[in-house]
Amino acid sequence: MASKKGNRIVIKLKSTESGHQYTTEKNRRNDPNRIELRRYDPLVRRHVLYRETK
């Protein structure tokens, strides 16, 4: 059974203040550009900006 290529891809979100990373999925059709989210960084122990990396 062949699988078709979907719109969801796995991405990495990297902290702007430390080396911590999250992995998540995004929809290519809804978010074609790189995304930025505010998430909790356990190394700095506060919410910081996370940017999508390759």
PDB file of N, CA and C in Angstrom:
ATOM      1  N   MET A   1       0.843  -1.177   0.000  1.00  0.00           N
ATOM      2  CA  MET A   1       0.000   0.000   0.000  1.00  0.00           C
ATOM      3  C   MET A   1       0.892   1.246   0.000  1.00  0.00           C
ATOM      4  N   ALA A   2       0.721   2.104  -0.969  1.00  0.00           N
ATOM      5  CA  ALA A   2       1.544   3.303  -1.092  1.00  0.00           C
ATOM      6  C   ALA A   2       1.020   4.402  -0.181  1.00  0.00           C
ATOM      7  N   SER A   3       1.957   5.136   0.431  1.00  0.00           N
ATOM      8  CA  SER A   3       1.540   6.245   1.284  1.00  0.00           C
ATOM      9  C   SER A   3       1.738   7.549   0.531  1.00  0.00           C
ATOM     10  N   LYS A   4       0.782   8.435   0.644  1.00  0.00           N
ATOM     11  CA  LYS A   4       0.898   9.713  -0.045  1.00  0.00           C
ATOM     12  C   LYS A   4       1.609  10.723   0.858  1.00  0.00           C
ATOM     13  N   LYS A   5       2.209  11.706   0.246  1.00  0.00           N
ATOM     14  CA  LYS A   5       2.920  12.721   0.997  1.00  0.00           C
ATOM     15  C   LYS A   5       1.913  13.713   1.556  1.00  0.00           C
ATOM     16  N   GLY A   6       1.918  13.885   2.876  1.00  0.00           N
ATOM     17  CA  GLY A   6       0.953  14.762   3.517  1.00  0.00           C
ATOM     18  C   GLY A   6       1.445  16.187   3.638  1.00  0.00           C
ATOM     19  N   ASN A   7       0.597  17.027   4.207  1.00  0.00           N
ATOM     20  CA  ASN A   7       0.934  18.431   4.392  1.00  0.00           C
ATOM     21  C   ASN A   7       1.674  18.684   5.704  1.00  0.00           C
ATOM     22  N   ARG A   8       1.656  17.725   6.630  1.00  0.00           N
ATOM     23  CA  ARG A   8       2.288  17.922   7.930  1.00  0.00           C
ATOM     24  C   ARG A   8       3.730  17.427   7.910  1.00  0.00           C
ATOM     25  N   ILE A   9       4.636  18.256   8.446  1.00  0.00           N
ATOM     26  CA  ILE A   9       6.038  17.894   8.531  1.00  0.00           C
ATOM     27  C   ILE A   9       6.526  18.087   9.961  1.00  0.00           C
ATOM     28  N   VAL A  10       7.556  17.339  10.343  1.00  0.00           N
ATOM     29  CA  VAL A  10       8.156  17.472  11.667  1.00  0.00           C
ATOM     30  C   VAL A  10       9.197  18.573  11.610  1.00  0.00           C
ATOM     31  N   ILE A  11       9.142  19.499  12.581  1.00  0.00           N
ATOM     32  CA  ILE A  11      10.089  20.613  12.638  1.00  0.00           C
ATOM     33  C   ILE A  11      10.730  20.666  14.021  1.00  0.00           C
ATOM     34  N   LYS A  12      11.850  21.383  14.111  1.00  0.00           N
ATOM     35  CA  LYS A  12      12.512  21.633  15.387  1.00  0.00           C
ATOM     36  C   LYS A  12      12.348  23.103  15.728  1.00  0.00           C
ATOM     37  N   LEU A  13      12.051  23.377  16.987  1.00  0.00           N
ATOM     38  CA  LEU A  13      11.987  24.745  17.489  1.00  0.00           C
ATOM     39  C   LEU A  13      13.159  24.931  18.439  1.00  0.00           C
ATOM     40  N   LYS A  14      14.019  25.916  18.162  1.00  0.00           N
ATOM     41  CA  LYS A  14      15.200  26.151  18.987  1.00  0.00           C
ATOM     42  C   LYS A  14      15.057  27.446  19.764  1.00  0.00           C
ATOM     43  N   SER A  15      15.454  27.403  21.040  1.00  0.00           N
ATOM     44  CA  SER A  15      15.376  28.567  21.917  1.00  0.00           C
ATOM     45  C   SER A  15      16.335  29.655  21.455  1.00  0.00           C
ATOM     46  N   THR A  16      15.924  30.910  21.616  1.00  0.00           N
ATOM     47  CA  THR A  16      16.787  32.034  21.261  1.00  0.00           C
ATOM     48  C   THR A  16      17.756  32.362  22.384  1.00  0.00           C
ATOM     49  N   GLU A  17      17.539  31.787  23.590  1.00  0.00           N
ATOM     50  CA  GLU A  17      18.389  32.130  24.730  1.00  0.00           C
ATOM     51  C   GLU A  17      19.233  30.981  25.252  1.00  0.00           C
ATOM     52  N   SER A  18      18.990  29.768  24.820  1.00  0.00           N
ATOM     53  CA  SER A  18      19.801  28.627  25.238  1.00  0.00           C
ATOM     54  C   SER A  18      19.812  27.607  24.105  1.00  0.00           C
ATOM     55  N   GLY A  19      20.356  26.433  24.368  1.00  0.00           N
ATOM     56  CA  GLY A  19      20.435  25.415  23.337  1.00  0.00           C
ATOM     57  C   GLY A  19      19.274  24.434  23.347  1.00  0.00           C
ATOM     58  N   HIS A  20      18.248  24.693  24.132  1.00  0.00           N
ATOM     59  CA  HIS A  20      17.113  23.775  24.261  1.00  0.00           C
ATOM     60  C   HIS A  20      16.292  23.746  22.975  1.00  0.00           C
ATOM     61  N   GLN A  21      15.743  22.554  22.650  1.00  0.00           N
ATOM     62  CA  GLN A  21      14.925  22.393  21.451  1.00  0.00           C
ATOM     63  C   GLN A  21      13.648  21.634  21.762  1.00  0.00           C
ATOM     64  N   TYR A  22      12.585  21.974  21.051  1.00  0.00           N
ATOM     65  CA  TYR A  22      11.342  21.212  21.030  1.00  0.00           C
ATOM     66  C   TYR A  22      11.176  20.655  19.625  1.00  0.00           C
ATOM     67  N   THR A  23      10.493  19.523  19.491  1.00  0.00           N
ATOM     68  CA  THR A  23      10.090  19.032  18.181  1.00  0.00           C
ATOM     69  C   THR A  23       8.577  19.031  18.128  1.00  0.00           C
ATOM     70  N   THR A  24       8.039  19.402  16.991  1.00  0.00           N
ATOM     71  CA  THR A  24       6.596  19.462  16.805  1.00  0.00           C
ATOM     72  C   THR A  24       6.299  19.302  15.327  1.00  0.00           C
ATOM     73  N   GLU A  25       5.039  19.340  14.974  1.00  0.00           N
ATOM     74  CA  GLU A  25       4.628  19.260  13.580  1.00  0.00           C
ATOM     75  C   GLU A  25       3.947  20.551  13.172  1.00  0.00           C
ATOM     76  N   LYS A  26       4.029  20.847  11.885  1.00  0.00           N
ATOM     77  CA  LYS A  26       3.289  21.982  11.346  1.00  0.00           C
ATOM     78  C   LYS A  26       2.719  21.609   9.992  1.00  0.00           C
ATOM     79  N   ASN A  27       1.689  22.312   9.615  1.00  0.00           N
ATOM     80  CA  ASN A  27       1.040  22.106   8.333  1.00  0.00           C
ATOM     81  C   ASN A  27       1.691  23.040   7.311  1.00  0.00           C
ATOM     82  N   ARG A  28       2.248  22.467   6.252  1.00  0.00           N
ATOM     83  CA  ARG A  28       2.918  23.275   5.227  1.00  0.00           C
ATOM     84  C   ARG A  28       1.975  24.227   4.520  1.00  0.00           C
ATOM     85  N   ARG A  29       0.756  23.813   4.324  1.00  0.00           N
ATOM     86  CA  ARG A  29      -0.207  24.636   3.590  1.00  0.00           C
ATOM     87  C   ARG A  29      -0.642  25.853   4.412  1.00  0.00           C
ATOM     88  N   ASN A  30      -0.874  25.681   5.717  1.00  0.00           N
ATOM     89  CA  ASN A  30      -1.326  26.786   6.562  1.00  0.00           C
ATOM     90  C   ASN A  30      -0.192  27.702   6.995  1.00  0.00           C
ATOM     91  N   ASP A  31       1.013  27.159   7.197  1.00  0.00           N
ATOM     92  CA  ASP A  31       2.165  27.929   7.667  1.00  0.00           C
ATOM     93  C   ASP A  31       3.362  27.693   6.752  1.00  0.00           C
ATOM     94  N   PRO A  32       3.402  28.310   5.570  1.00  0.00           N
ATOM     95  CA  PRO A  32       4.518  28.056   4.655  1.00  0.00           C
ATOM     96  C   PRO A  32       5.831  28.680   5.126  1.00  0.00           C
ATOM     97  N   ASN A  33       5.779  29.737   5.924  1.00  0.00           N
ATOM     98  CA  ASN A  33       6.992  30.399   6.412  1.00  0.00           C
ATOM     99  C   ASN A  33       7.448  29.771   7.718  1.00  0.00           C
ATOM    100  N   ARG A  34       8.636  30.163   8.179  1.00  0.00           N
ATOM    101  CA  ARG A  34       9.136  29.669   9.458  1.00  0.00           C
ATOM    102  C   ARG A  34       8.312  30.276  10.594  1.00  0.00           C
ATOM    103  N   ILE A  35       8.048  29.469  11.622  1.00  0.00           N
ATOM    104  CA  ILE A  35       7.188  29.929  12.703  1.00  0.00           C
ATOM    105  C   ILE A  35       8.031  30.300  13.920  1.00  0.00           C
ATOM    106  N   GLU A  36       7.466  31.180  14.751  1.00  0.00           N
ATOM    107  CA  GLU A  36       8.053  31.588  16.021  1.00  0.00           C
ATOM    108  C   GLU A  36       6.989  31.446  17.086  1.00  0.00           C
ATOM    109  N   LEU A  37       7.351  30.791  18.193  1.00  0.00           N
ATOM    110  CA  LEU A  37       6.410  30.579  19.291  1.00  0.00           C
ATOM    111  C   LEU A  37       7.087  30.909  20.606  1.00  0.00           C
ATOM    112  N   ARG A  38       6.304  31.347  21.588  1.00  0.00           N
ATOM    113  CA  ARG A  38       6.816  31.524  22.939  1.00  0.00           C
ATOM    114  C   ARG A  38       6.518  30.257  23.718  1.00  0.00           C
ATOM    115  N   ARG A  39       7.587  29.569  24.153  1.00  0.00           N
ATOM    116  CA  ARG A  39       7.462  28.316  24.889  1.00  0.00           C
ATOM    117  C   ARG A  39       8.303  28.404  26.152  1.00  0.00           C
ATOM    118  N   TYR A  40       8.084  27.455  27.071  1.00  0.00           N
ATOM    119  CA  TYR A  40       8.840  27.418  28.307  1.00  0.00           C
ATOM    120  C   TYR A  40      10.206  26.791  28.070  1.00  0.00           C
ATOM    121  N   ASP A  41      11.252  27.465  28.516  1.00  0.00           N
ATOM    122  CA  ASP A  41      12.617  26.960  28.418  1.00  0.00           C
ATOM    123  C   ASP A  41      13.053  26.490  29.807  1.00  0.00           C
ATOM    124  N   PRO A  42      13.216  25.176  30.020  1.00  0.00           N
ATOM    125  CA  PRO A  42      13.572  24.679  31.347  1.00  0.00           C
ATOM    126  C   PRO A  42      14.995  25.036  31.782  1.00  0.00           C
ATOM    127  N   LEU A  43      15.890  25.327  30.847  1.00  0.00           N
ATOM    128  CA  LEU A  43      17.253  25.702  31.208  1.00  0.00           C
ATOM    129  C   LEU A  43      17.315  27.110  31.789  1.00  0.00           C
ATOM    130  N   VAL A  44      16.496  28.018  31.255  1.00  0.00           N
ATOM    131  CA  VAL A  44      16.457  29.397  31.727  1.00  0.00           C
ATOM    132  C   VAL A  44      15.342  29.577  32.766  1.00  0.00           C
ATOM    133  N   ARG A  45      14.419  28.620  32.797  1.00  0.00           N
ATOM    134  CA  ARG A  45      13.262  28.580  33.702  1.00  0.00           C
ATOM    135  C   ARG A  45      12.317  29.767  33.509  1.00  0.00           C
ATOM    136  N   ARG A  46      12.023  30.076  32.253  1.00  0.00           N
ATOM    137  CA  ARG A  46      11.001  31.079  31.915  1.00  0.00           C
ATOM    138  C   ARG A  46      10.600  30.905  30.460  1.00  0.00           C
ATOM    139  N   HIS A  47       9.568  31.621  30.048  1.00  0.00           N
ATOM    140  CA  HIS A  47       9.097  31.553  28.668  1.00  0.00           C
ATOM    141  C   HIS A  47       9.977  32.451  27.790  1.00  0.00           C
ATOM    142  N   VAL A  48      10.417  31.888  26.667  1.00  0.00           N
ATOM    143  CA  VAL A  48      11.260  32.619  25.721  1.00  0.00           C
ATOM    144  C   VAL A  48      10.772  32.333  24.307  1.00  0.00           C
ATOM    145  N   LEU A  49      11.331  33.044  23.350  1.00  0.00           N
ATOM    146  CA  LEU A  49      10.963  32.880  21.952  1.00  0.00           C
ATOM    147  C   LEU A  49      11.698  31.680  21.360  1.00  0.00           C
ATOM    148  N   TYR A  50      10.961  30.814  20.685  1.00  0.00           N
ATOM    149  CA  TYR A  50      11.531  29.667  19.972  1.00  0.00           C
ATOM    150  C   TYR A  50      11.303  29.889  18.495  1.00  0.00           C
ATOM    151  N   ARG A  51      12.345  29.634  17.695  1.00  0.00           N
ATOM    152  CA  ARG A  51      12.253  29.794  16.243  1.00  0.00           C
ATOM    153  C   ARG A  51      12.446  28.453  15.564  1.00  0.00           C
ATOM    154  N   GLU A  52      11.784  28.299  14.438  1.00  0.00           N
ATOM    155  CA  GLU A  52      11.907  27.069  13.647  1.00  0.00           C
ATOM    156  C   GLU A  52      13.280  27.003  12.996  1.00  0.00           C
ATOM    157  N   THR A  53      13.910  25.805  13.086  1.00  0.00           N
ATOM    158  CA  THR A  53      15.192  25.592  12.425  1.00  0.00           C
ATOM    159  C   THR A  53      15.022  24.492  11.381  1.00  0.00           C
ATOM    160  N   LYS A  54      16.037  24.273  10.577  1.00  0.00           N
ATOM    161  CA  LYS A  54      15.966  23.233   9.557  1.00  0.00           C
ATOM    162  C   LYS A  54      16.089  21.871  10.161  1.00  0.00           C
TER     163      LYS A  54
END
